[in-house]
Amino acid sequence: MTHGEATISQWGVGKLDANPEMWEERKIAQGLDREKLFWGPIAVECDDQGRVFVVETARSRIQVFQKQTPLFYGVNERVAGGGGRL
């Protein structure tokens, strides 16, 4: 799974624009790395493309995770999914 990017969606920007004090709170936050963490998730769903959706009501957001193919780098070569020299 990939890690969250802690970016703000267009809907998040709309919510922050409607609540200017929330922009100020983000400015004084102790780093946005904690945005990647879950805060009160209430539902998890998977789709037929292998994506995992996690719904959080406390932050009014949905985090989407997608499996990535691991890449291993060896001597003068790049091998997708393993099976090569390291």
PDB file of N, CA and C in Angstrom:
ATOM      1  N   MET A   1       0.836  -1.184   0.000  1.00  0.00           N
ATOM      2  CA  MET A   1       0.000   0.000   0.000  1.00  0.00           C
ATOM      3  C   MET A   1       0.881   1.248   0.000  1.00  0.00           C
ATOM      4  N   THR A   2       0.367   2.275  -0.587  1.00  0.00           N
ATOM      5  CA  THR A   2       1.096   3.535  -0.575  1.00  0.00           C
ATOM      6  C   THR A   2       0.726   4.307   0.670  1.00  0.00           C
ATOM      7  N   HIS A   3       1.563   5.236   1.033  1.00  0.00           N
ATOM      8  CA  HIS A   3       1.254   6.105   2.164  1.00  0.00           C
ATOM      9  C   HIS A   3       0.444   7.284   1.671  1.00  0.00           C
ATOM     10  N   GLY A   4      -0.363   7.858   2.566  1.00  0.00           N
ATOM     11  CA  GLY A   4      -1.117   9.044   2.192  1.00  0.00           C
ATOM     12  C   GLY A   4      -0.193  10.199   1.849  1.00  0.00           C
ATOM     13  N   GLU A   5      -0.674  11.056   0.998  1.00  0.00           N
ATOM     14  CA  GLU A   5       0.119  12.199   0.561  1.00  0.00           C
ATOM     15  C   GLU A   5      -0.135  13.440   1.409  1.00  0.00           C
ATOM     16  N   ALA A   6      -1.181  13.418   2.214  1.00  0.00           N
ATOM     17  CA  ALA A   6      -1.534  14.571   3.054  1.00  0.00           C
ATOM     18  C   ALA A   6      -1.793  15.814   2.223  1.00  0.00           C
ATOM     19  N   THR A   7      -2.393  15.616   1.058  1.00  0.00           N
ATOM     20  CA  THR A   7      -2.765  16.748   0.222  1.00  0.00           C
ATOM     21  C   THR A   7      -4.220  17.121   0.502  1.00  0.00           C
ATOM     22  N   ILE A   8      -4.604  18.274   0.046  1.00  0.00           N
ATOM     23  CA  ILE A   8      -5.973  18.744   0.269  1.00  0.00           C
ATOM     24  C   ILE A   8      -6.737  18.656  -1.043  1.00  0.00           C
ATOM     25  N   SER A   9      -7.854  17.968  -1.030  1.00  0.00           N
ATOM     26  CA  SER A   9      -8.694  17.849  -2.222  1.00  0.00           C
ATOM     27  C   SER A   9      -9.423  19.170  -2.469  1.00  0.00           C
ATOM     28  N   GLN A  10     -10.061  19.255  -3.624  1.00  0.00           N
ATOM     29  CA  GLN A  10     -10.829  20.469  -3.923  1.00  0.00           C
ATOM     30  C   GLN A  10     -11.960  20.653  -2.920  1.00  0.00           C
ATOM     31  N   TRP A  11     -12.512  19.551  -2.423  1.00  0.00           N
ATOM     32  CA  TRP A  11     -13.583  19.641  -1.426  1.00  0.00           C
ATOM     33  C   TRP A  11     -13.026  20.093  -0.077  1.00  0.00           C
ATOM     34  N   GLY A  12     -11.816  19.638   0.238  1.00  0.00           N
ATOM     35  CA  GLY A  12     -11.169  20.084   1.474  1.00  0.00           C
ATOM     36  C   GLY A  12     -10.870  21.569   1.434  1.00  0.00           C
ATOM     37  N   VAL A  13     -10.402  22.043   0.284  1.00  0.00           N
ATOM     38  CA  VAL A  13     -10.132  23.483   0.126  1.00  0.00           C
ATOM     39  C   VAL A  13     -11.427  24.260   0.305  1.00  0.00           C
ATOM     40  N   GLY A  14     -12.518  23.752  -0.270  1.00  0.00           N
ATOM     41  CA  GLY A  14     -13.814  24.419  -0.115  1.00  0.00           C
ATOM     42  C   GLY A  14     -14.236  24.516   1.337  1.00  0.00           C
ATOM     43  N   LYS A  15     -14.015  23.421   2.085  1.00  0.00           N
ATOM     44  CA  LYS A  15     -14.371  23.425   3.513  1.00  0.00           C
ATOM     45  C   LYS A  15     -13.498  24.415   4.278  1.00  0.00           C
ATOM     46  N   LEU A  16     -12.191  24.428   3.972  1.00  0.00           N
ATOM     47  CA  LEU A  16     -11.292  25.358   4.657  1.00  0.00           C
ATOM     48  C   LEU A  16     -11.609  26.803   4.297  1.00  0.00           C
ATOM     49  N   ASP A  17     -11.961  27.053   3.032  1.00  0.00           N
ATOM     50  CA  ASP A  17     -12.326  28.408   2.624  1.00  0.00           C
ATOM     51  C   ASP A  17     -13.588  28.884   3.337  1.00  0.00           C
ATOM     52  N   ALA A  18     -14.502  27.942   3.617  1.00  0.00           N
ATOM     53  CA  ALA A  18     -15.734  28.282   4.317  1.00  0.00           C
ATOM     54  C   ALA A  18     -15.509  28.479   5.818  1.00  0.00           C
ATOM     55  N   ASN A  19     -14.361  27.994   6.310  1.00  0.00           N
ATOM     56  CA  ASN A  19     -14.020  28.101   7.731  1.00  0.00           C
ATOM     57  C   ASN A  19     -12.587  28.617   7.856  1.00  0.00           C
ATOM     58  N   PRO A  20     -12.372  29.925   7.655  1.00  0.00           N
ATOM     59  CA  PRO A  20     -11.015  30.490   7.634  1.00  0.00           C
ATOM     60  C   PRO A  20     -10.177  30.157   8.867  1.00  0.00           C
ATOM     61  N   GLU A  21     -10.807  29.962  10.001  1.00  0.00           N
ATOM     62  CA  GLU A  21     -10.041  29.638  11.209  1.00  0.00           C
ATOM     63  C   GLU A  21      -9.332  28.295  11.063  1.00  0.00           C
ATOM     64  N   MET A  22      -9.882  27.414  10.228  1.00  0.00           N
ATOM     65  CA  MET A  22      -9.251  26.120  10.011  1.00  0.00           C
ATOM     66  C   MET A  22      -7.941  26.272   9.234  1.00  0.00           C
ATOM     67  N   TRP A  23      -7.851  27.245   8.313  1.00  0.00           N
ATOM     68  CA  TRP A  23      -6.587  27.523   7.618  1.00  0.00           C
ATOM     69  C   TRP A  23      -5.535  27.944   8.631  1.00  0.00           C
ATOM     70  N   GLU A  24      -5.914  28.777   9.595  1.00  0.00           N
ATOM     71  CA  GLU A  24      -4.980  29.237  10.630  1.00  0.00           C
ATOM     72  C   GLU A  24      -4.510  28.073  11.491  1.00  0.00           C
ATOM     73  N   GLU A  25      -5.422  27.177  11.819  1.00  0.00           N
ATOM     74  CA  GLU A  25      -5.046  26.002  12.614  1.00  0.00           C
ATOM     75  C   GLU A  25      -4.033  25.133  11.861  1.00  0.00           C
ATOM     76  N   ARG A  26      -4.197  25.012  10.555  1.00  0.00           N
ATOM     77  CA  ARG A  26      -3.245  24.227   9.753  1.00  0.00           C
ATOM     78  C   ARG A  26      -1.869  24.872   9.747  1.00  0.00           C
ATOM     79  N   LYS A  27      -1.831  26.210   9.745  1.00  0.00           N
ATOM     80  CA  LYS A  27      -0.556  26.924   9.731  1.00  0.00           C
ATOM     81  C   LYS A  27       0.256  26.664  10.999  1.00  0.00           C
ATOM     82  N   ILE A  28      -0.427  26.504  12.134  1.00  0.00           N
ATOM     83  CA  ILE A  28       0.282  26.318  13.398  1.00  0.00           C
ATOM     84  C   ILE A  28       0.425  24.843  13.784  1.00  0.00           C
ATOM     85  N   ALA A  29      -0.081  23.947  12.931  1.00  0.00           N
ATOM     86  CA  ALA A  29       0.024  22.508  13.205  1.00  0.00           C
ATOM     87  C   ALA A  29       1.491  22.106  13.271  1.00  0.00           C
ATOM     88  N   GLN A  30       1.769  21.110  14.062  1.00  0.00           N
ATOM     89  CA  GLN A  30       3.142  20.632  14.238  1.00  0.00           C
ATOM     90  C   GLN A  30       3.478  19.631  13.140  1.00  0.00           C
ATOM     91  N   GLY A  31       3.491  20.091  11.913  1.00  0.00           N
ATOM     92  CA  GLY A  31       3.799  19.236  10.773  1.00  0.00           C
ATOM     93  C   GLY A  31       2.566  18.548  10.243  1.00  0.00           C
ATOM     94  N   LEU A  32       2.541  18.314   8.955  1.00  0.00           N
ATOM     95  CA  LEU A  32       1.384  17.686   8.340  1.00  0.00           C
ATOM     96  C   LEU A  32       1.536  16.181   8.194  1.00  0.00           C
ATOM     97  N   ASP A  33       2.628  15.607   8.710  1.00  0.00           N
ATOM     98  CA  ASP A  33       2.785  14.154   8.650  1.00  0.00           C
ATOM     99  C   ASP A  33       1.639  13.442   9.352  1.00  0.00           C
ATOM    100  N   ARG A  34       1.092  14.059  10.371  1.00  0.00           N
ATOM    101  CA  ARG A  34      -0.008  13.416  11.090  1.00  0.00           C
ATOM    102  C   ARG A  34      -1.279  13.358  10.246  1.00  0.00           C
ATOM    103  N   GLU A  35      -1.346  14.160   9.170  1.00  0.00           N
ATOM    104  CA  GLU A  35      -2.494  14.102   8.276  1.00  0.00           C
ATOM    105  C   GLU A  35      -2.609  12.730   7.619  1.00  0.00           C
ATOM    106  N   LYS A  36      -1.496  12.014   7.537  1.00  0.00           N
ATOM    107  CA  LYS A  36      -1.495  10.701   6.914  1.00  0.00           C
ATOM    108  C   LYS A  36      -2.124   9.643   7.812  1.00  0.00           C
ATOM    109  N   LEU A  37      -2.222   9.932   9.098  1.00  0.00           N
ATOM    110  CA  LEU A  37      -2.743   8.970  10.065  1.00  0.00           C
ATOM    111  C   LEU A  37      -4.262   8.996  10.082  1.00  0.00           C
ATOM    112  N   PHE A  38      -4.852   7.876  10.444  1.00  0.00           N
ATOM    113  CA  PHE A  38      -6.299   7.816  10.562  1.00  0.00           C
ATOM    114  C   PHE A  38      -6.749   8.456  11.867  1.00  0.00           C
ATOM    115  N   TRP A  39      -7.907   9.094  11.804  1.00  0.00           N
ATOM    116  CA  TRP A  39      -8.484   9.702  12.996  1.00  0.00           C
ATOM    117  C   TRP A  39      -9.980   9.379  13.000  1.00  0.00           C
ATOM    118  N   GLY A  40     -10.311   8.282  13.615  1.00  0.00           N
ATOM    119  CA  GLY A  40     -11.713   7.885  13.717  1.00  0.00           C
ATOM    120  C   GLY A  40     -12.304   7.327  12.435  1.00  0.00           C
ATOM    121  N   PRO A  41     -11.618   6.370  11.783  1.00  0.00           N
ATOM    122  CA  PRO A  41     -12.216   5.788  10.581  1.00  0.00           C
ATOM    123  C   PRO A  41     -13.492   5.032  10.930  1.00  0.00           C
ATOM    124  N   ILE A  42     -14.475   5.098  10.041  1.00  0.00           N
ATOM    125  CA  ILE A  42     -15.752   4.438  10.321  1.00  0.00           C
ATOM    126  C   ILE A  42     -16.114   3.355   9.314  1.00  0.00           C
ATOM    127  N   ALA A  43     -15.422   3.327   8.152  1.00  0.00           N
ATOM    128  CA  ALA A  43     -15.750   2.318   7.150  1.00  0.00           C
ATOM    129  C   ALA A  43     -14.547   2.058   6.250  1.00  0.00           C
ATOM    130  N   VAL A  44     -14.467   0.818   5.754  1.00  0.00           N
ATOM    131  CA  VAL A  44     -13.419   0.425   4.812  1.00  0.00           C
ATOM    132  C   VAL A  44     -14.097  -0.355   3.688  1.00  0.00           C
ATOM    133  N   GLU A  45     -13.754  -0.019   2.453  1.00  0.00           N
ATOM    134  CA  GLU A  45     -14.280  -0.729   1.282  1.00  0.00           C
ATOM    135  C   GLU A  45     -13.148  -1.000   0.310  1.00  0.00           C
ATOM    136  N   CYS A  46     -13.275  -2.057  -0.462  1.00  0.00           N
ATOM    137  CA  CYS A  46     -12.333  -2.382  -1.536  1.00  0.00           C
ATOM    138  C   CYS A  46     -13.111  -2.445  -2.834  1.00  0.00           C
ATOM    139  N   ASP A  47     -12.447  -2.060  -3.940  1.00  0.00           N
ATOM    140  CA  ASP A  47     -13.104  -2.180  -5.238  1.00  0.00           C
ATOM    141  C   ASP A  47     -12.437  -3.260  -6.070  1.00  0.00           C
ATOM    142  N   ASP A  48     -12.953  -3.482  -7.276  1.00  0.00           N
ATOM    143  CA  ASP A  48     -12.434  -4.559  -8.117  1.00  0.00           C
ATOM    144  C   ASP A  48     -11.096  -4.217  -8.767  1.00  0.00           C
ATOM    145  N   GLN A  49     -10.587  -3.003  -8.535  1.00  0.00           N
ATOM    146  CA  GLN A  49      -9.279  -2.606  -9.040  1.00  0.00           C
ATOM    147  C   GLN A  49      -8.201  -2.712  -7.965  1.00  0.00           C
ATOM    148  N   GLY A  50      -8.558  -3.259  -6.801  1.00  0.00           N
ATOM    149  CA  GLY A  50      -7.596  -3.453  -5.725  1.00  0.00           C
ATOM    150  C   GLY A  50      -7.359  -2.226  -4.865  1.00  0.00           C
ATOM    151  N   ARG A  51      -8.191  -1.207  -5.016  1.00  0.00           N
ATOM    152  CA  ARG A  51      -8.040  -0.014  -4.183  1.00  0.00           C
ATOM    153  C   ARG A  51      -8.793  -0.198  -2.875  1.00  0.00           C
ATOM    154  N   VAL A  52      -8.267   0.415  -1.811  1.00  0.00           N
ATOM    155  CA  VAL A  52      -8.892   0.365  -0.495  1.00  0.00           C
ATOM    156  C   VAL A  52      -9.297   1.796  -0.131  1.00  0.00           C
ATOM    157  N   PHE A  53     -10.561   1.976   0.234  1.00  0.00           N
ATOM    158  CA  PHE A  53     -11.097   3.280   0.598  1.00  0.00           C
ATOM    159  C   PHE A  53     -11.399   3.288   2.092  1.00  0.00           C
ATOM    160  N   VAL A  54     -10.885   4.279   2.807  1.00  0.00           N
ATOM    161  CA  VAL A  54     -11.122   4.403   4.240  1.00  0.00           C
ATOM    162  C   VAL A  54     -11.843   5.724   4.478  1.00  0.00           C
ATOM    163  N   VAL A  55     -13.013   5.652   5.098  1.00  0.00           N
ATOM    164  CA  VAL A  55     -13.842   6.833   5.347  1.00  0.00           C
ATOM    165  C   VAL A  55     -13.633   7.315   6.770  1.00  0.00           C
ATOM    166  N   GLU A  56     -13.411   8.620   6.914  1.00  0.00           N
ATOM    167  CA  GLU A  56     -13.273   9.244   8.236  1.00  0.00           C
ATOM    168  C   GLU A  56     -14.271  10.398   8.332  1.00  0.00           C
ATOM    169  N   THR A  57     -15.113  10.362   9.346  1.00  0.00           N
ATOM    170  CA  THR A  57     -16.052  11.466   9.505  1.00  0.00           C
ATOM    171  C   THR A  57     -15.425  12.628  10.256  1.00  0.00           C
ATOM    172  N   ALA A  58     -14.496  12.354  11.163  1.00  0.00           N
ATOM    173  CA  ALA A  58     -13.899  13.422  11.964  1.00  0.00           C
ATOM    174  C   ALA A  58     -13.195  14.457  11.085  1.00  0.00           C
ATOM    175  N   ARG A  59     -12.602  13.999   9.984  1.00  0.00           N
ATOM    176  CA  ARG A  59     -11.893  14.919   9.078  1.00  0.00           C
ATOM    177  C   ARG A  59     -12.627  15.104   7.755  1.00  0.00           C
ATOM    178  N   SER A  60     -13.809  14.543   7.657  1.00  0.00           N
ATOM    179  CA  SER A  60     -14.628  14.659   6.442  1.00  0.00           C
ATOM    180  C   SER A  60     -13.831  14.291   5.198  1.00  0.00           C
ATOM    181  N   ARG A  61     -13.230  13.103   5.210  1.00  0.00           N
ATOM    182  CA  ARG A  61     -12.408  12.712   4.068  1.00  0.00           C
ATOM    183  C   ARG A  61     -12.473  11.216   3.818  1.00  0.00           C
ATOM    184  N   ILE A  62     -11.999  10.864   2.639  1.00  0.00           N
ATOM    185  CA  ILE A  62     -11.819   9.475   2.243  1.00  0.00           C
ATOM    186  C   ILE A  62     -10.360   9.333   1.823  1.00  0.00           C
ATOM    187  N   GLN A  63      -9.665   8.384   2.410  1.00  0.00           N
ATOM    188  CA  GLN A  63      -8.300   8.089   1.985  1.00  0.00           C
ATOM    189  C   GLN A  63      -8.354   6.884   1.050  1.00  0.00           C
ATOM    190  N   VAL A  64      -7.640   6.979  -0.069  1.00  0.00           N
ATOM    191  CA  VAL A  64      -7.625   5.915  -1.063  1.00  0.00           C
ATOM    192  C   VAL A  64      -6.209   5.350  -1.140  1.00  0.00           C
ATOM    193  N   PHE A  65      -6.111   4.036  -1.047  1.00  0.00           N
ATOM    194  CA  PHE A  65      -4.825   3.349  -1.113  1.00  0.00           C
ATOM    195  C   PHE A  65      -4.852   2.383  -2.286  1.00  0.00           C
ATOM    196  N   GLN A  66      -3.727   2.284  -2.971  1.00  0.00           N
ATOM    197  CA  GLN A  66      -3.624   1.362  -4.098  1.00  0.00           C
ATOM    198  C   GLN A  66      -2.302   0.624  -4.000  1.00  0.00           C
ATOM    199  N   LYS A  67      -2.359  -0.679  -4.205  1.00  0.00           N
ATOM    200  CA  LYS A  67      -1.156  -1.500  -4.154  1.00  0.00           C
ATOM    201  C   LYS A  67      -0.231  -1.116  -5.303  1.00  0.00           C
ATOM    202  N   GLN A  68       1.055  -1.047  -4.992  1.00  0.00           N
ATOM    203  CA  GLN A  68       2.042  -0.744  -6.006  1.00  0.00           C
ATOM    204  C   GLN A  68       2.935  -1.958  -6.221  1.00  0.00           C
ATOM    205  N   THR A  69       3.395  -2.124  -7.446  1.00  0.00           N
ATOM    206  CA  THR A  69       4.327  -3.199  -7.747  1.00  0.00           C
ATOM    207  C   THR A  69       5.688  -2.813  -7.180  1.00  0.00           C
ATOM    208  N   PRO A  70       6.290  -3.671  -6.349  1.00  0.00           N
ATOM    209  CA  PRO A  70       7.604  -3.328  -5.804  1.00  0.00           C
ATOM    210  C   PRO A  70       8.666  -3.335  -6.900  1.00  0.00           C
ATOM    211  N   LEU A  71       9.587  -2.422  -6.808  1.00  0.00           N
ATOM    212  CA  LEU A  71      10.708  -2.353  -7.734  1.00  0.00           C
ATOM    213  C   LEU A  71      11.988  -2.635  -6.977  1.00  0.00           C
ATOM    214  N   PHE A  72      12.817  -3.506  -7.514  1.00  0.00           N
ATOM    215  CA  PHE A  72      14.098  -3.821  -6.910  1.00  0.00           C
ATOM    216  C   PHE A  72      15.182  -3.439  -7.908  1.00  0.00           C
ATOM    217  N   TYR A  73      16.185  -2.780  -7.431  1.00  0.00           N
ATOM    218  CA  TYR A  73      17.283  -2.366  -8.293  1.00  0.00           C
ATOM    219  C   TYR A  73      18.497  -3.231  -8.007  1.00  0.00           C
ATOM    220  N   GLY A  74      19.089  -3.760  -9.055  1.00  0.00           N
ATOM    221  CA  GLY A  74      20.285  -4.572  -8.925  1.00  0.00           C
ATOM    222  C   GLY A  74      21.428  -3.902  -9.660  1.00  0.00           C
ATOM    223  N   VAL A  75      22.474  -4.628  -9.883  1.00  0.00           N
ATOM    224  CA  VAL A  75      23.643  -4.120 -10.575  1.00  0.00           C
ATOM    225  C   VAL A  75      23.276  -3.902 -12.047  1.00  0.00           C
ATOM    226  N   ASN A  76      23.235  -2.646 -12.467  1.00  0.00           N
ATOM    227  CA  ASN A  76      22.950  -2.276 -13.848  1.00  0.00           C
ATOM    228  C   ASN A  76      21.632  -2.817 -14.387  1.00  0.00           C
ATOM    229  N   GLU A  77      20.647  -3.020 -13.543  1.00  0.00           N
ATOM    230  CA  GLU A  77      19.358  -3.486 -14.022  1.00  0.00           C
ATOM    231  C   GLU A  77      18.242  -3.069 -13.077  1.00  0.00           C
ATOM    232  N   ARG A  78      17.043  -3.028 -13.601  1.00  0.00           N
ATOM    233  CA  ARG A  78      15.856  -2.736 -12.807  1.00  0.00           C
ATOM    234  C   ARG A  78      14.881  -3.869 -13.044  1.00  0.00           C
ATOM    235  N   VAL A  79      14.376  -4.462 -11.982  1.00  0.00           N
ATOM    236  CA  VAL A  79      13.509  -5.616 -12.097  1.00  0.00           C
ATOM    237  C   VAL A  79      12.195  -5.325 -11.374  1.00  0.00           C
ATOM    238  N   ALA A  80      11.073  -5.409 -12.079  1.00  0.00           N
ATOM    239  CA  ALA A  80       9.770  -5.196 -11.453  1.00  0.00           C
ATOM    240  C   ALA A  80       9.285  -6.488 -10.821  1.00  0.00           C
ATOM    241  N   GLY A  81       8.775  -6.405  -9.601  1.00  0.00           N
ATOM    242  CA  GLY A  81       8.206  -7.548  -8.940  1.00  0.00           C
ATOM    243  C   GLY A  81       9.193  -8.575  -8.427  1.00  0.00           C
ATOM    244  N   GLY A  82      10.447  -8.244  -8.368  1.00  0.00           N
ATOM    245  CA  GLY A  82      11.454  -9.171  -7.836  1.00  0.00           C
ATOM    246  C   GLY A  82      11.938 -10.136  -8.902  1.00  0.00           C
ATOM    247  N   GLY A  83      12.633 -11.151  -8.507  1.00  0.00           N
ATOM    248  CA  GLY A  83      13.113 -12.172  -9.409  1.00  0.00           C
ATOM    249  C   GLY A  83      14.424 -11.844 -10.104  1.00  0.00           C
ATOM    250  N   GLY A  84      15.036 -10.731  -9.760  1.00  0.00           N
ATOM    251  CA  GLY A  84      16.308 -10.365 -10.390  1.00  0.00           C
ATOM    252  C   GLY A  84      17.423 -10.304  -9.383  1.00  0.00           C
ATOM    253  N   ARG A  85      18.605  -9.996  -9.854  1.00  0.00           N
ATOM    254  CA  ARG A  85      19.746  -9.862  -8.951  1.00  0.00           C
ATOM    255  C   ARG A  85      19.608  -8.598  -8.133  1.00  0.00           C
ATOM    256  N   LEU A  86      20.101  -8.642  -6.938  1.00  0.00           N
ATOM    257  CA  LEU A  86      20.167  -7.437  -6.089  1.00  0.00           C
ATOM    258  C   LEU A  86      21.593  -7.108  -5.823  1.00  0.00           C
TER     259      LEU A  86
END
